[in-house]
């Protein structure tokens, strides 16, 4: 049996956090989706310069850590 994994996406070429949030979490208000993604991926928004720069090799989690 395979273990459960967190859902994630990878950014498309030149994709912004806004576009990624709209694509990954459709139906959720954009500001809430961005906040959720930021909280699950602090390494992208705290450690990177410029903050929030998305790279095609990033793994961007779209749900919280599994219990």
PDB file of N, CA and C in Angstrom:
ATOM      1  N   UNK A   1       0.848  -1.183   0.000  1.00  0.00           N
ATOM      2  CA  UNK A   1       0.000   0.000   0.000  1.00  0.00           C
ATOM      3  C   UNK A   1       0.893   1.245   0.000  1.00  0.00           C
ATOM      4  N   UNK A   2       0.568   2.193  -0.845  1.00  0.00           N
ATOM      5  CA  UNK A   2       1.322   3.440  -0.910  1.00  0.00           C
ATOM      6  C   UNK A   2       0.887   4.378   0.204  1.00  0.00           C
ATOM      7  N   UNK A   3       1.834   5.143   0.701  1.00  0.00           N
ATOM      8  CA  UNK A   3       1.492   6.127   1.725  1.00  0.00           C
ATOM      9  C   UNK A   3       0.866   7.361   1.072  1.00  0.00           C
ATOM     10  N   UNK A   4       0.099   8.084   1.846  1.00  0.00           N
ATOM     11  CA  UNK A   4      -0.543   9.303   1.346  1.00  0.00           C
ATOM     12  C   UNK A   4       0.509  10.401   1.183  1.00  0.00           C
ATOM     13  N   UNK A   5       0.307  11.259   0.196  1.00  0.00           N
ATOM     14  CA  UNK A   5       1.211  12.375  -0.053  1.00  0.00           C
ATOM     15  C   UNK A   5       0.408  13.661  -0.152  1.00  0.00           C
ATOM     16  N   UNK A   6       1.080  14.756   0.173  1.00  0.00           N
ATOM     17  CA  UNK A   6       0.441  16.068   0.022  1.00  0.00           C
ATOM     18  C   UNK A   6       0.293  16.395  -1.456  1.00  0.00           C
ATOM     19  N   UNK A   7      -0.825  17.043  -1.773  1.00  0.00           N
ATOM     20  CA  UNK A   7      -1.007  17.508  -3.150  1.00  0.00           C
ATOM     21  C   UNK A   7      -0.022  18.642  -3.415  1.00  0.00           C
ATOM     22  N   UNK A   8       0.511  18.702  -4.624  1.00  0.00           N
ATOM     23  CA  UNK A   8       1.429  19.768  -5.006  1.00  0.00           C
ATOM     24  C   UNK A   8       1.284  20.055  -6.489  1.00  0.00           C
ATOM     25  N   UNK A   9       1.800  21.195  -6.895  1.00  0.00           N
ATOM     26  CA  UNK A   9       1.871  21.568  -8.306  1.00  0.00           C
ATOM     27  C   UNK A   9       3.270  22.093  -8.570  1.00  0.00           C
ATOM     28  N   UNK A  10       3.629  22.180  -9.831  1.00  0.00           N
ATOM     29  CA  UNK A  10       4.863  22.849 -10.227  1.00  0.00           C
ATOM     30  C   UNK A  10       4.473  24.050 -11.076  1.00  0.00           C
ATOM     31  N   UNK A  11       5.181  25.148 -10.902  1.00  0.00           N
ATOM     32  CA  UNK A  11       4.840  26.359 -11.661  1.00  0.00           C
ATOM     33  C   UNK A  11       5.078  26.184 -13.155  1.00  0.00           C
ATOM     34  N   UNK A  12       4.229  26.828 -13.924  1.00  0.00           N
ATOM     35  CA  UNK A  12       4.430  26.880 -15.364  1.00  0.00           C
ATOM     36  C   UNK A  12       5.388  28.023 -15.667  1.00  0.00           C
ATOM     37  N   UNK A  13       5.892  28.091 -16.866  1.00  0.00           N
ATOM     38  CA  UNK A  13       6.849  29.127 -17.259  1.00  0.00           C
ATOM     39  C   UNK A  13       6.299  30.523 -16.965  1.00  0.00           C
ATOM     40  N   UNK A  14       7.078  31.305 -16.222  1.00  0.00           N
ATOM     41  CA  UNK A  14       6.740  32.698 -15.873  1.00  0.00           C
ATOM     42  C   UNK A  14       5.437  32.841 -15.098  1.00  0.00           C
ATOM     43  N   UNK A  15       4.985  31.800 -14.431  1.00  0.00           N
ATOM     44  CA  UNK A  15       3.730  31.859 -13.683  1.00  0.00           C
ATOM     45  C   UNK A  15       3.927  32.626 -12.381  1.00  0.00           C
ATOM     46  N   UNK A  16       2.983  33.480 -12.061  1.00  0.00           N
ATOM     47  CA  UNK A  16       3.007  34.235 -10.811  1.00  0.00           C
ATOM     48  C   UNK A  16       2.283  33.444  -9.729  1.00  0.00           C
ATOM     49  N   UNK A  17       2.462  33.859  -8.497  1.00  0.00           N
ATOM     50  CA  UNK A  17       1.762  33.194  -7.396  1.00  0.00           C
ATOM     51  C   UNK A  17       0.253  33.342  -7.568  1.00  0.00           C
ATOM     52  N   UNK A  18      -0.181  34.460  -8.099  1.00  0.00           N
ATOM     53  CA  UNK A  18      -1.612  34.674  -8.316  1.00  0.00           C
ATOM     54  C   UNK A  18      -2.170  33.676  -9.327  1.00  0.00           C
ATOM     55  N   UNK A  19      -1.453  33.505 -10.432  1.00  0.00           N
ATOM     56  CA  UNK A  19      -1.905  32.569 -11.463  1.00  0.00           C
ATOM     57  C   UNK A  19      -1.850  31.128 -10.958  1.00  0.00           C
ATOM     58  N   UNK A  20      -0.795  30.803 -10.223  1.00  0.00           N
ATOM     59  CA  UNK A  20      -0.679  29.453  -9.679  1.00  0.00           C
ATOM     60  C   UNK A  20      -1.802  29.175  -8.692  1.00  0.00           C
ATOM     61  N   UNK A  21      -2.105  30.134  -7.819  1.00  0.00           N
ATOM     62  CA  UNK A  21      -3.177  29.956  -6.831  1.00  0.00           C
ATOM     63  C   UNK A  21      -4.526  29.762  -7.520  1.00  0.00           C
ATOM     64  N   UNK A  22      -4.796  30.538  -8.561  1.00  0.00           N
ATOM     65  CA  UNK A  22      -6.063  30.411  -9.290  1.00  0.00           C
ATOM     66  C   UNK A  22      -6.162  29.050  -9.974  1.00  0.00           C
ATOM     67  N   UNK A  23      -5.052  28.556 -10.491  1.00  0.00           N
ATOM     68  CA  UNK A  23      -5.041  27.260 -11.179  1.00  0.00           C
ATOM     69  C   UNK A  23      -5.124  26.099 -10.196  1.00  0.00           C
ATOM     70  N   UNK A  24      -4.381  26.196  -9.092  1.00  0.00           N
ATOM     71  CA  UNK A  24      -4.283  25.073  -8.155  1.00  0.00           C
ATOM     72  C   UNK A  24      -5.470  24.972  -7.202  1.00  0.00           C
ATOM     73  N   UNK A  25      -6.075  26.106  -6.887  1.00  0.00           N
ATOM     74  CA  UNK A  25      -7.189  26.123  -5.931  1.00  0.00           C
ATOM     75  C   UNK A  25      -8.395  26.858  -6.522  1.00  0.00           C
ATOM     76  N   UNK A  26      -8.935  26.348  -7.625  1.00  0.00           N
ATOM     77  CA  UNK A  26     -10.071  27.025  -8.255  1.00  0.00           C
ATOM     78  C   UNK A  26     -11.281  27.014  -7.327  1.00  0.00           C
ATOM     79  N   UNK A  27     -12.067  28.039  -7.430  1.00  0.00           N
ATOM     80  CA  UNK A  27     -13.267  28.106  -6.606  1.00  0.00           C
ATOM     81  C   UNK A  27     -13.028  28.708  -5.242  1.00  0.00           C
ATOM     82  N   UNK A  28     -11.766  28.916  -4.872  1.00  0.00           N
ATOM     83  CA  UNK A  28     -11.452  29.553  -3.597  1.00  0.00           C
ATOM     84  C   UNK A  28     -11.112  31.018  -3.887  1.00  0.00           C
ATOM     85  N   UNK A  29     -11.531  31.940  -3.016  1.00  0.00           N
ATOM     86  CA  UNK A  29     -11.164  33.344  -3.251  1.00  0.00           C
ATOM     87  C   UNK A  29      -9.643  33.466  -3.425  1.00  0.00           C
ATOM     88  N   UNK A  30      -9.218  34.286  -4.389  1.00  0.00           N
ATOM     89  CA  UNK A  30      -7.812  34.377  -4.753  1.00  0.00           C
ATOM     90  C   UNK A  30      -6.920  34.730  -3.561  1.00  0.00           C
ATOM     91  N   UNK A  31      -7.308  35.724  -2.770  1.00  0.00           N
ATOM     92  CA  UNK A  31      -6.478  36.118  -1.630  1.00  0.00           C
ATOM     93  C   UNK A  31      -6.323  34.980  -0.633  1.00  0.00           C
ATOM     94  N   UNK A  32      -7.381  34.226  -0.391  1.00  0.00           N
ATOM     95  CA  UNK A  32      -7.322  33.089   0.534  1.00  0.00           C
ATOM     96  C   UNK A  32      -6.440  31.988  -0.036  1.00  0.00           C
ATOM     97  N   UNK A  33      -6.542  31.738  -1.335  1.00  0.00           N
ATOM     98  CA  UNK A  33      -5.719  30.706  -1.971  1.00  0.00           C
ATOM     99  C   UNK A  33      -4.241  31.078  -1.898  1.00  0.00           C
ATOM    100  N   UNK A  34      -3.919  32.334  -2.150  1.00  0.00           N
ATOM    101  CA  UNK A  34      -2.531  32.795  -2.057  1.00  0.00           C
ATOM    102  C   UNK A  34      -2.019  32.638  -0.632  1.00  0.00           C
ATOM    103  N   UNK A  35      -2.807  33.046   0.344  1.00  0.00           N
ATOM    104  CA  UNK A  35      -2.399  32.921   1.749  1.00  0.00           C
ATOM    105  C   UNK A  35      -2.154  31.459   2.129  1.00  0.00           C
ATOM    106  N   UNK A  36      -3.011  30.562   1.679  1.00  0.00           N
ATOM    107  CA  UNK A  36      -2.824  29.135   1.975  1.00  0.00           C
ATOM    108  C   UNK A  36      -1.523  28.631   1.370  1.00  0.00           C
ATOM    109  N   UNK A  37      -1.292  28.952   0.115  1.00  0.00           N
ATOM    110  CA  UNK A  37      -0.072  28.493  -0.547  1.00  0.00           C
ATOM    111  C   UNK A  37       1.161  29.067   0.144  1.00  0.00           C
ATOM    112  N   UNK A  38       1.113  30.333   0.509  1.00  0.00           N
ATOM    113  CA  UNK A  38       2.246  30.936   1.222  1.00  0.00           C
ATOM    114  C   UNK A  38       2.502  30.226   2.547  1.00  0.00           C
ATOM    115  N   UNK A  39       1.459  29.879   3.272  1.00  0.00           N
ATOM    116  CA  UNK A  39       1.645  29.248   4.578  1.00  0.00           C
ATOM    117  C   UNK A  39       2.200  27.831   4.456  1.00  0.00           C
ATOM    118  N   UNK A  40       1.948  27.154   3.343  1.00  0.00           N
ATOM    119  CA  UNK A  40       2.441  25.786   3.146  1.00  0.00           C
ATOM    120  C   UNK A  40       3.833  25.755   2.523  1.00  0.00           C
ATOM    121  N   UNK A  41       4.302  26.903   2.029  1.00  0.00           N
ATOM    122  CA  UNK A  41       5.560  26.974   1.275  1.00  0.00           C
ATOM    123  C   UNK A  41       6.402  28.162   1.712  1.00  0.00           C
ATOM    124  N   UNK A  42       6.603  28.294   2.989  1.00  0.00           N
ATOM    125  CA  UNK A  42       7.323  29.461   3.514  1.00  0.00           C
ATOM    126  C   UNK A  42       8.722  29.604   2.914  1.00  0.00           C
ATOM    127  N   UNK A  43       9.344  28.495   2.537  1.00  0.00           N
ATOM    128  CA  UNK A  43      10.693  28.560   1.966  1.00  0.00           C
ATOM    129  C   UNK A  43      10.734  29.411   0.691  1.00  0.00           C
ATOM    130  N   UNK A  44       9.657  29.446  -0.049  1.00  0.00           N
ATOM    131  CA  UNK A  44       9.613  30.230  -1.283  1.00  0.00           C
ATOM    132  C   UNK A  44       9.443  31.719  -0.976  1.00  0.00           C
ATOM    133  N   UNK A  45       8.774  32.032   0.111  1.00  0.00           N
ATOM    134  CA  UNK A  45       8.435  33.426   0.390  1.00  0.00           C
ATOM    135  C   UNK A  45       9.316  34.081   1.438  1.00  0.00           C
ATOM    136  N   UNK A  46      10.092  33.299   2.172  1.00  0.00           N
ATOM    137  CA  UNK A  46      10.961  33.869   3.203  1.00  0.00           C
ATOM    138  C   UNK A  46      12.418  33.838   2.761  1.00  0.00           C
ATOM    139  N   UNK A  47      12.851  32.738   2.212  1.00  0.00           N
ATOM    140  CA  UNK A  47      14.270  32.552   1.901  1.00  0.00           C
ATOM    141  C   UNK A  47      14.677  33.063   0.514  1.00  0.00           C
ATOM    142  N   UNK A  48      13.763  33.163  -0.409  1.00  0.00           N
ATOM    143  CA  UNK A  48      14.109  33.477  -1.791  1.00  0.00           C
ATOM    144  C   UNK A  48      14.067  34.978  -2.048  1.00  0.00           C
ATOM    145  N   UNK A  49      14.963  35.422  -2.906  1.00  0.00           N
ATOM    146  CA  UNK A  49      14.984  36.824  -3.324  1.00  0.00           C
ATOM    147  C   UNK A  49      14.892  36.879  -4.834  1.00  0.00           C
ATOM    148  N   UNK A  50      13.959  37.600  -5.421  1.00  0.00           N
ATOM    149  CA  UNK A  50      12.889  38.303  -4.717  1.00  0.00           C
ATOM    150  C   UNK A  50      11.889  37.316  -4.120  1.00  0.00           C
ATOM    151  N   UNK A  51      11.294  37.724  -3.038  1.00  0.00           N
ATOM    152  CA  UNK A  51      10.333  36.865  -2.334  1.00  0.00           C
ATOM    153  C   UNK A  51       9.207  36.461  -3.278  1.00  0.00           C
ATOM    154  N   UNK A  52       8.879  35.178  -3.270  1.00  0.00           N
ATOM    155  CA  UNK A  52       7.776  34.688  -4.085  1.00  0.00           C
ATOM    156  C   UNK A  52       8.139  34.338  -5.508  1.00  0.00           C
ATOM    157  N   UNK A  53       9.418  34.480  -5.885  1.00  0.00           N
ATOM    158  CA  UNK A  53       9.834  34.082  -7.225  1.00  0.00           C
ATOM    159  C   UNK A  53       9.628  32.584  -7.378  1.00  0.00           C
ATOM    160  N   UNK A  54       8.876  32.194  -8.377  1.00  0.00           N
ATOM    161  CA  UNK A  54       8.602  30.777  -8.612  1.00  0.00           C
ATOM    162  C   UNK A  54       9.515  30.261  -9.708  1.00  0.00           C
ATOM    163  N   UNK A  55      10.116  29.107  -9.451  1.00  0.00           N
ATOM    164  CA  UNK A  55      10.971  28.458 -10.431  1.00  0.00           C
ATOM    165  C   UNK A  55      10.264  27.210 -10.946  1.00  0.00           C
ATOM    166  N   UNK A  56      10.524  26.847 -12.170  1.00  0.00           N
ATOM    167  CA  UNK A  56       9.889  25.670 -12.755  1.00  0.00           C
ATOM    168  C   UNK A  56      10.200  24.384 -12.003  1.00  0.00           C
ATOM    169  N   UNK A  57      11.282  24.378 -11.253  1.00  0.00           N
ATOM    170  CA  UNK A  57      11.662  23.185 -10.489  1.00  0.00           C
ATOM    171  C   UNK A  57      11.049  23.141  -9.098  1.00  0.00           C
ATOM    172  N   UNK A  58      10.307  24.181  -8.708  1.00  0.00           N
ATOM    173  CA  UNK A  58       9.693  24.224  -7.377  1.00  0.00           C
ATOM    174  C   UNK A  58       8.592  23.173  -7.237  1.00  0.00           C
ATOM    175  N   UNK A  59       8.501  22.622  -6.057  1.00  0.00           N
ATOM    176  CA  UNK A  59       7.368  21.807  -5.652  1.00  0.00           C
ATOM    177  C   UNK A  59       6.559  22.703  -4.728  1.00  0.00           C
ATOM    178  N   UNK A  60       5.364  23.075  -5.151  1.00  0.00           N
ATOM    179  CA  UNK A  60       4.527  24.006  -4.398  1.00  0.00           C
ATOM    180  C   UNK A  60       3.359  23.222  -3.805  1.00  0.00           C
ATOM    181  N   UNK A  61       3.386  23.068  -2.487  1.00  0.00           N
ATOM    182  CA  UNK A  61       2.332  22.324  -1.827  1.00  0.00           C
ATOM    183  C   UNK A  61       1.044  23.140  -1.799  1.00  0.00           C
ATOM    184  N   UNK A  62      -0.085  22.474  -2.037  1.00  0.00           N
ATOM    185  CA  UNK A  62      -1.386  23.145  -2.071  1.00  0.00           C
ATOM    186  C   UNK A  62      -2.324  22.603  -1.004  1.00  0.00           C
ATOM    187  N   UNK A  63      -1.748  21.884  -0.040  1.00  0.00           N
ATOM    188  CA  UNK A  63      -2.514  21.432   1.125  1.00  0.00           C
ATOM    189  C   UNK A  63      -1.549  21.313   2.298  1.00  0.00           C
ATOM    190  N   UNK A  64      -2.083  21.331   3.511  1.00  0.00           N
ATOM    191  CA  UNK A  64      -1.219  21.308   4.697  1.00  0.00           C
ATOM    192  C   UNK A  64      -0.508  19.966   4.847  1.00  0.00           C
ATOM    193  N   UNK A  65       0.503  19.933   5.715  1.00  0.00           N
ATOM    194  CA  UNK A  65       1.180  18.659   5.976  1.00  0.00           C
ATOM    195  C   UNK A  65       0.180  17.608   6.463  1.00  0.00           C
ATOM    196  N   UNK A  66       0.418  16.377   6.085  1.00  0.00           N
ATOM    197  CA  UNK A  66      -0.446  15.284   6.514  1.00  0.00           C
ATOM    198  C   UNK A  66      -0.145  14.916   7.949  1.00  0.00           C
ATOM    199  N   UNK A  67      -1.158  14.493   8.665  1.00  0.00           N
ATOM    200  CA  UNK A  67      -0.975  14.103  10.063  1.00  0.00           C
ATOM    201  C   UNK A  67      -0.475  12.696  10.176  1.00  0.00           C
TER     202      UNK A  67
END
